[in-house]
Amino acid sequence: MDRLGIRPGLRVADLGAGEGYYTVRLARRLGPLAILYAEDVRPEYLKRLEARLKRERIQGIRLILGNANDPEFR
């Protein structure tokens, strides 16, 4: 994340977020005012990620269900 210049105030997308390994770390680095999108094509992964975010009290993450041809960022 250091090499990518990830810092508070950025808008970041985690494509293929899965169950949130990087999503959680990005959220902590970006802080509570971050704009962070977590996208995946598998609804069950997003459901697990949503539960994890609630469990870890991380808010403000926008979960997006994409598809194989389009990440659905609109």
PDB file of N, CA and C in Angstrom:
ATOM      1  N   MET A   1       0.806  -1.176   0.000  1.00  0.00           N
ATOM      2  CA  MET A   1       0.000   0.000   0.000  1.00  0.00           C
ATOM      3  C   MET A   1       0.859   1.253   0.000  1.00  0.00           C
ATOM      4  N   ASP A   2       2.021   1.167   0.640  1.00  0.00           N
ATOM      5  CA  ASP A   2       2.925   2.318   0.618  1.00  0.00           C
ATOM      6  C   ASP A   2       3.354   2.635  -0.816  1.00  0.00           C
ATOM      7  N   ARG A   3       3.731   1.625  -1.549  1.00  0.00           N
ATOM      8  CA  ARG A   3       4.186   1.831  -2.928  1.00  0.00           C
ATOM      9  C   ARG A   3       3.088   2.380  -3.831  1.00  0.00           C
ATOM     10  N   LEU A   4       1.847   2.042  -3.522  1.00  0.00           N
ATOM     11  CA  LEU A   4       0.718   2.538  -4.310  1.00  0.00           C
ATOM     12  C   LEU A   4       0.284   3.934  -3.876  1.00  0.00           C
ATOM     13  N   GLY A   5       0.835   4.416  -2.786  1.00  0.00           N
ATOM     14  CA  GLY A   5       0.472   5.740  -2.296  1.00  0.00           C
ATOM     15  C   GLY A   5      -0.900   5.791  -1.642  1.00  0.00           C
ATOM     16  N   ILE A   6      -1.325   4.663  -1.066  1.00  0.00           N
ATOM     17  CA  ILE A   6      -2.624   4.607  -0.397  1.00  0.00           C
ATOM     18  C   ILE A   6      -2.538   5.417   0.887  1.00  0.00           C
ATOM     19  N   ARG A   7      -3.393   6.456   0.964  1.00  0.00           N
ATOM     20  CA  ARG A   7      -3.387   7.335   2.134  1.00  0.00           C
ATOM     21  C   ARG A   7      -4.789   7.889   2.350  1.00  0.00           C
ATOM     22  N   PRO A   8      -5.054   8.416   3.531  1.00  0.00           N
ATOM     23  CA  PRO A   8      -6.379   8.984   3.803  1.00  0.00           C
ATOM     24  C   PRO A   8      -6.761  10.027   2.751  1.00  0.00           C
ATOM     25  N   GLY A   9      -8.044  10.042   2.428  1.00  0.00           N
ATOM     26  CA  GLY A   9      -8.547  11.016   1.466  1.00  0.00           C
ATOM     27  C   GLY A   9      -8.700  10.493   0.053  1.00  0.00           C
ATOM     28  N   LEU A  10      -8.161   9.316  -0.223  1.00  0.00           N
ATOM     29  CA  LEU A  10      -8.275   8.742  -1.561  1.00  0.00           C
ATOM     30  C   LEU A  10      -9.566   7.959  -1.712  1.00  0.00           C
ATOM     31  N   ARG A  11      -9.988   7.809  -2.948  1.00  0.00           N
ATOM     32  CA  ARG A  11     -11.106   6.922  -3.298  1.00  0.00           C
ATOM     33  C   ARG A  11     -10.465   5.663  -3.864  1.00  0.00           C
ATOM     34  N   VAL A  12     -10.792   4.502  -3.268  1.00  0.00           N
ATOM     35  CA  VAL A  12     -10.117   3.254  -3.609  1.00  0.00           C
ATOM     36  C   VAL A  12     -11.141   2.157  -3.889  1.00  0.00           C
ATOM     37  N   ALA A  13     -10.833   1.302  -4.852  1.00  0.00           N
ATOM     38  CA  ALA A  13     -11.676   0.145  -5.157  1.00  0.00           C
ATOM     39  C   ALA A  13     -10.851  -1.124  -4.975  1.00  0.00           C
ATOM     40  N   ASP A  14     -11.466  -2.080  -4.314  1.00  0.00           N
ATOM     41  CA  ASP A  14     -10.876  -3.403  -4.151  1.00  0.00           C
ATOM     42  C   ASP A  14     -11.660  -4.347  -5.060  1.00  0.00           C
ATOM     43  N   LEU A  15     -11.114  -4.590  -6.254  1.00  0.00           N
ATOM     44  CA  LEU A  15     -11.771  -5.473  -7.222  1.00  0.00           C
ATOM     45  C   LEU A  15     -11.450  -6.916  -6.885  1.00  0.00           C
ATOM     46  N   GLY A  16     -12.461  -7.750  -6.852  1.00  0.00           N
ATOM     47  CA  GLY A  16     -12.263  -9.136  -6.431  1.00  0.00           C
ATOM     48  C   GLY A  16     -12.023  -9.190  -4.936  1.00  0.00           C
ATOM     49  N   ALA A  17     -12.830  -8.455  -4.191  1.00  0.00           N
ATOM     50  CA  ALA A  17     -12.623  -8.283  -2.749  1.00  0.00           C
ATOM     51  C   ALA A  17     -12.733  -9.577  -1.953  1.00  0.00           C
ATOM     52  N   GLY A  18     -13.481 -10.533  -2.482  1.00  0.00           N
ATOM     53  CA  GLY A  18     -13.633 -11.787  -1.749  1.00  0.00           C
ATOM     54  C   GLY A  18     -14.212 -11.555  -0.371  1.00  0.00           C
ATOM     55  N   GLU A  19     -13.587 -12.112   0.643  1.00  0.00           N
ATOM     56  CA  GLU A  19     -14.073 -11.962   2.013  1.00  0.00           C
ATOM     57  C   GLU A  19     -13.411 -10.800   2.738  1.00  0.00           C
ATOM     58  N   GLY A  20     -12.631 -10.003   1.999  1.00  0.00           N
ATOM     59  CA  GLY A  20     -12.175  -8.736   2.538  1.00  0.00           C
ATOM     60  C   GLY A  20     -10.777  -8.626   3.090  1.00  0.00           C
ATOM     61  N   TYR A  21      -9.873  -9.516   2.719  1.00  0.00           N
ATOM     62  CA  TYR A  21      -8.511  -9.420   3.251  1.00  0.00           C
ATOM     63  C   TYR A  21      -7.956  -8.003   3.063  1.00  0.00           C
ATOM     64  N   TYR A  22      -7.958  -7.518   1.830  1.00  0.00           N
ATOM     65  CA  TYR A  22      -7.426  -6.176   1.564  1.00  0.00           C
ATOM     66  C   TYR A  22      -8.436  -5.087   1.915  1.00  0.00           C
ATOM     67  N   THR A  23      -9.707  -5.356   1.782  1.00  0.00           N
ATOM     68  CA  THR A  23     -10.727  -4.354   2.084  1.00  0.00           C
ATOM     69  C   THR A  23     -10.579  -3.850   3.512  1.00  0.00           C
ATOM     70  N   VAL A  24     -10.429  -4.760   4.453  1.00  0.00           N
ATOM     71  CA  VAL A  24     -10.297  -4.387   5.866  1.00  0.00           C
ATOM     72  C   VAL A  24      -9.022  -3.584   6.078  1.00  0.00           C
ATOM     73  N   ARG A  25      -7.947  -4.001   5.506  1.00  0.00           N
ATOM     74  CA  ARG A  25      -6.681  -3.281   5.668  1.00  0.00           C
ATOM     75  C   ARG A  25      -6.740  -1.901   5.024  1.00  0.00           C
ATOM     76  N   LEU A  26      -7.354  -1.828   3.848  1.00  0.00           N
ATOM     77  CA  LEU A  26      -7.523  -0.530   3.195  1.00  0.00           C
ATOM     78  C   LEU A  26      -8.384   0.395   4.040  1.00  0.00           C
ATOM     79  N   ALA A  27      -9.460  -0.118   4.579  1.00  0.00           N
ATOM     80  CA  ALA A  27     -10.358   0.697   5.395  1.00  0.00           C
ATOM     81  C   ALA A  27      -9.624   1.269   6.599  1.00  0.00           C
ATOM     82  N   ARG A  28      -8.815   0.460   7.224  1.00  0.00           N
ATOM     83  CA  ARG A  28      -8.059   0.936   8.394  1.00  0.00           C
ATOM     84  C   ARG A  28      -7.038   2.000   7.999  1.00  0.00           C
ATOM     85  N   ARG A  29      -6.421   1.815   6.868  1.00  0.00           N
ATOM     86  CA  ARG A  29      -5.424   2.787   6.420  1.00  0.00           C
ATOM     87  C   ARG A  29      -6.075   4.093   5.972  1.00  0.00           C
ATOM     88  N   LEU A  30      -7.187   3.992   5.277  1.00  0.00           N
ATOM     89  CA  LEU A  30      -7.838   5.174   4.730  1.00  0.00           C
ATOM     90  C   LEU A  30      -8.603   5.972   5.781  1.00  0.00           C
ATOM     91  N   GLY A  31      -9.046   5.321   6.841  1.00  0.00           N
ATOM     92  CA  GLY A  31      -9.749   6.016   7.905  1.00  0.00           C
ATOM     93  C   GLY A  31     -11.250   6.076   7.681  1.00  0.00           C
ATOM     94  N   PRO A  32     -11.966   6.627   8.670  1.00  0.00           N
ATOM     95  CA  PRO A  32     -13.431   6.593   8.664  1.00  0.00           C
ATOM     96  C   PRO A  32     -14.088   7.447   7.580  1.00  0.00           C
ATOM     97  N   LEU A  33     -13.393   8.393   7.019  1.00  0.00           N
ATOM     98  CA  LEU A  33     -13.984   9.254   5.993  1.00  0.00           C
ATOM     99  C   LEU A  33     -13.662   8.779   4.581  1.00  0.00           C
ATOM    100  N   ALA A  34     -13.092   7.602   4.487  1.00  0.00           N
ATOM    101  CA  ALA A  34     -12.664   7.067   3.191  1.00  0.00           C
ATOM    102  C   ALA A  34     -13.848   6.745   2.296  1.00  0.00           C
ATOM    103  N   ILE A  35     -13.579   6.757   1.012  1.00  0.00           N
ATOM    104  CA  ILE A  35     -14.517   6.228   0.028  1.00  0.00           C
ATOM    105  C   ILE A  35     -13.865   4.957  -0.495  1.00  0.00           C
ATOM    106  N   LEU A  36     -14.438   3.828  -0.123  1.00  0.00           N
ATOM    107  CA  LEU A  36     -13.862   2.534  -0.464  1.00  0.00           C
ATOM    108  C   LEU A  36     -14.946   1.630  -1.028  1.00  0.00           C
ATOM    109  N   TYR A  37     -14.688   1.117  -2.217  1.00  0.00           N
ATOM    110  CA  TYR A  37     -15.598   0.198  -2.887  1.00  0.00           C
ATOM    111  C   TYR A  37     -15.011  -1.200  -2.811  1.00  0.00           C
ATOM    112  N   ALA A  38     -15.828  -2.174  -2.443  1.00  0.00           N
ATOM    113  CA  ALA A  38     -15.410  -3.570  -2.434  1.00  0.00           C
ATOM    114  C   ALA A  38     -16.296  -4.304  -3.433  1.00  0.00           C
ATOM    115  N   GLU A  39     -15.706  -4.757  -4.518  1.00  0.00           N
ATOM    116  CA  GLU A  39     -16.458  -5.390  -5.601  1.00  0.00           C
ATOM    117  C   GLU A  39     -16.075  -6.847  -5.717  1.00  0.00           C
ATOM    118  N   ASP A  40     -17.076  -7.679  -5.974  1.00  0.00           N
ATOM    119  CA  ASP A  40     -16.827  -9.081  -6.276  1.00  0.00           C
ATOM    120  C   ASP A  40     -17.972  -9.583  -7.144  1.00  0.00           C
ATOM    121  N   VAL A  41     -17.753 -10.696  -7.830  1.00  0.00           N
ATOM    122  CA  VAL A  41     -18.782 -11.276  -8.691  1.00  0.00           C
ATOM    123  C   VAL A  41     -19.541 -12.399  -7.995  1.00  0.00           C
ATOM    124  N   ARG A  42     -19.142 -12.730  -6.800  1.00  0.00           N
ATOM    125  CA  ARG A  42     -19.789 -13.820  -6.050  1.00  0.00           C
ATOM    126  C   ARG A  42     -20.573 -13.234  -4.879  1.00  0.00           C
ATOM    127  N   PRO A  43     -21.904 -13.304  -4.930  1.00  0.00           N
ATOM    128  CA  PRO A  43     -22.711 -12.725  -3.857  1.00  0.00           C
ATOM    129  C   PRO A  43     -22.416 -13.311  -2.482  1.00  0.00           C
ATOM    130  N   GLU A  44     -22.065 -14.589  -2.431  1.00  0.00           N
ATOM    131  CA  GLU A  44     -21.780 -15.191  -1.122  1.00  0.00           C
ATOM    132  C   GLU A  44     -20.532 -14.590  -0.481  1.00  0.00           C
ATOM    133  N   TYR A  45     -19.561 -14.194  -1.291  1.00  0.00           N
ATOM    134  CA  TYR A  45     -18.374 -13.530  -0.740  1.00  0.00           C
ATOM    135  C   TYR A  45     -18.741 -12.169  -0.158  1.00  0.00           C
ATOM    136  N   LEU A  46     -19.557 -11.434  -0.883  1.00  0.00           N
ATOM    137  CA  LEU A  46     -19.960 -10.115  -0.394  1.00  0.00           C
ATOM    138  C   LEU A  46     -20.789 -10.228   0.885  1.00  0.00           C
ATOM    139  N   LYS A  47     -21.578 -11.267   0.985  1.00  0.00           N
ATOM    140  CA  LYS A  47     -22.370 -11.484   2.196  1.00  0.00           C
ATOM    141  C   LYS A  47     -21.440 -11.738   3.392  1.00  0.00           C
ATOM    142  N   ARG A  48     -20.431 -12.561   3.173  1.00  0.00           N
ATOM    143  CA  ARG A  48     -19.457 -12.828   4.248  1.00  0.00           C
ATOM    144  C   ARG A  48     -18.660 -11.578   4.597  1.00  0.00           C
ATOM    145  N   LEU A  49     -18.313 -10.800   3.566  1.00  0.00           N
ATOM    146  CA  LEU A  49     -17.585  -9.556   3.808  1.00  0.00           C
ATOM    147  C   LEU A  49     -18.457  -8.586   4.602  1.00  0.00           C
ATOM    148  N   GLU A  50     -19.714  -8.488   4.258  1.00  0.00           N
ATOM    149  CA  GLU A  50     -20.622  -7.614   4.989  1.00  0.00           C
ATOM    150  C   GLU A  50     -20.688  -8.017   6.463  1.00  0.00           C
ATOM    151  N   ALA A  51     -20.775  -9.307   6.739  1.00  0.00           N
ATOM    152  CA  ALA A  51     -20.803  -9.795   8.119  1.00  0.00           C
ATOM    153  C   ALA A  51     -19.494  -9.458   8.834  1.00  0.00           C
ATOM    154  N   ARG A  52     -18.388  -9.609   8.139  1.00  0.00           N
ATOM    155  CA  ARG A  52     -17.084  -9.298   8.745  1.00  0.00           C
ATOM    156  C   ARG A  52     -16.981  -7.820   9.081  1.00  0.00           C
ATOM    157  N   LEU A  53     -17.424  -6.970   8.168  1.00  0.00           N
ATOM    158  CA  LEU A  53     -17.362  -5.534   8.411  1.00  0.00           C
ATOM    159  C   LEU A  53     -18.212  -5.153   9.620  1.00  0.00           C
ATOM    160  N   LYS A  54     -19.362  -5.761   9.761  1.00  0.00           N
ATOM    161  CA  LYS A  54     -20.206  -5.506  10.935  1.00  0.00           C
ATOM    162  C   LYS A  54     -19.514  -5.978  12.201  1.00  0.00           C
ATOM    163  N   ARG A  55     -18.958  -7.176  12.146  1.00  0.00           N
ATOM    164  CA  ARG A  55     -18.275  -7.762  13.307  1.00  0.00           C
ATOM    165  C   ARG A  55     -17.098  -6.892  13.756  1.00  0.00           C
ATOM    166  N   GLU A  56     -16.368  -6.337  12.777  1.00  0.00           N
ATOM    167  CA  GLU A  56     -15.192  -5.527  13.097  1.00  0.00           C
ATOM    168  C   GLU A  56     -15.514  -4.038  13.195  1.00  0.00           C
ATOM    169  N   ARG A  57     -16.805  -3.713  13.098  1.00  0.00           N
ATOM    170  CA  ARG A  57     -17.295  -2.337  13.228  1.00  0.00           C
ATOM    171  C   ARG A  57     -16.633  -1.381  12.237  1.00  0.00           C
ATOM    172  N   ILE A  58     -16.534  -1.830  11.009  1.00  0.00           N
ATOM    173  CA  ILE A  58     -15.998  -1.003   9.932  1.00  0.00           C
ATOM    174  C   ILE A  58     -17.190  -0.530   9.101  1.00  0.00           C
ATOM    175  N   GLN A  59     -17.305   0.784   8.955  1.00  0.00           N
ATOM    176  CA  GLN A  59     -18.446   1.345   8.239  1.00  0.00           C
ATOM    177  C   GLN A  59     -17.992   2.099   6.993  1.00  0.00           C
ATOM    178  N   GLY A  60     -18.969   2.366   6.133  1.00  0.00           N
ATOM    179  CA  GLY A  60     -18.721   3.217   4.979  1.00  0.00           C
ATOM    180  C   GLY A  60     -18.188   2.519   3.750  1.00  0.00           C
ATOM    181  N   ILE A  61     -18.074   1.199   3.781  1.00  0.00           N
ATOM    182  CA  ILE A  61     -17.599   0.456   2.616  1.00  0.00           C
ATOM    183  C   ILE A  61     -18.784   0.217   1.699  1.00  0.00           C
ATOM    184  N   ARG A  62     -18.636   0.503   0.438  1.00  0.00           N
ATOM    185  CA  ARG A  62     -19.703   0.285  -0.527  1.00  0.00           C
ATOM    186  C   ARG A  62     -19.474  -1.054  -1.219  1.00  0.00           C
ATOM    187  N   LEU A  63     -20.347  -1.996  -0.953  1.00  0.00           N
ATOM    188  CA  LEU A  63     -20.241  -3.335  -1.535  1.00  0.00           C
ATOM    189  C   LEU A  63     -20.936  -3.343  -2.890  1.00  0.00           C
ATOM    190  N   ILE A  64     -20.257  -3.889  -3.886  1.00  0.00           N
ATOM    191  CA  ILE A  64     -20.782  -3.898  -5.251  1.00  0.00           C
ATOM    192  C   ILE A  64     -20.709  -5.301  -5.815  1.00  0.00           C
ATOM    193  N   LEU A  65     -21.845  -5.798  -6.296  1.00  0.00           N
ATOM    194  CA  LEU A  65     -21.882  -7.081  -6.982  1.00  0.00           C
ATOM    195  C   LEU A  65     -21.679  -6.819  -8.473  1.00  0.00           C
ATOM    196  N   GLY A  66     -20.529  -7.225  -8.972  1.00  0.00           N
ATOM    197  CA  GLY A  66     -20.229  -7.063 -10.385  1.00  0.00           C
ATOM    198  C   GLY A  66     -20.543  -8.345 -11.138  1.00  0.00           C
ATOM    199  N   ASN A  67     -20.147  -8.379 -12.392  1.00  0.00           N
ATOM    200  CA  ASN A  67     -20.247  -9.622 -13.155  1.00  0.00           C
ATOM    201  C   ASN A  67     -18.958  -9.809 -13.936  1.00  0.00           C
ATOM    202  N   ALA A  68     -18.819 -10.923 -14.584  1.00  0.00           N
ATOM    203  CA  ALA A  68     -17.559 -11.268 -15.251  1.00  0.00           C
ATOM    204  C   ALA A  68     -17.151 -10.258 -16.312  1.00  0.00           C
ATOM    205  N   ASN A  69     -18.099  -9.545 -16.893  1.00  0.00           N
ATOM    206  CA  ASN A  69     -17.787  -8.604 -17.967  1.00  0.00           C
ATOM    207  C   ASN A  69     -17.829  -7.152 -17.545  1.00  0.00           C
ATOM    208  N   ASP A  70     -18.306  -6.868 -16.341  1.00  0.00           N
ATOM    209  CA  ASP A  70     -18.494  -5.489 -15.923  1.00  0.00           C
ATOM    210  C   ASP A  70     -18.451  -5.408 -14.397  1.00  0.00           C
ATOM    211  N   PRO A  71     -17.558  -4.600 -13.836  1.00  0.00           N
ATOM    212  CA  PRO A  71     -17.502  -4.490 -12.384  1.00  0.00           C
ATOM    213  C   PRO A  71     -18.685  -3.711 -11.797  1.00  0.00           C
ATOM    214  N   GLU A  72     -19.501  -3.113 -12.643  1.00  0.00           N
ATOM    215  CA  GLU A  72     -20.731  -2.423 -12.223  1.00  0.00           C
ATOM    216  C   GLU A  72     -20.471  -1.150 -11.399  1.00  0.00           C
ATOM    217  N   PHE A  73     -19.385  -0.452 -11.693  1.00  0.00           N
ATOM    218  CA  PHE A  73     -19.143   0.851 -11.050  1.00  0.00           C
ATOM    219  C   PHE A  73     -19.920   1.905 -11.809  1.00  0.00           C
ATOM    220  N   ARG A  74     -20.977   2.393 -11.212  1.00  0.00           N
ATOM    221  CA  ARG A  74     -21.800   3.420 -11.867  1.00  0.00           C
ATOM    222  C   ARG A  74     -22.028   4.568 -10.929  1.00  0.00           C
TER     223      ARG A  74
END
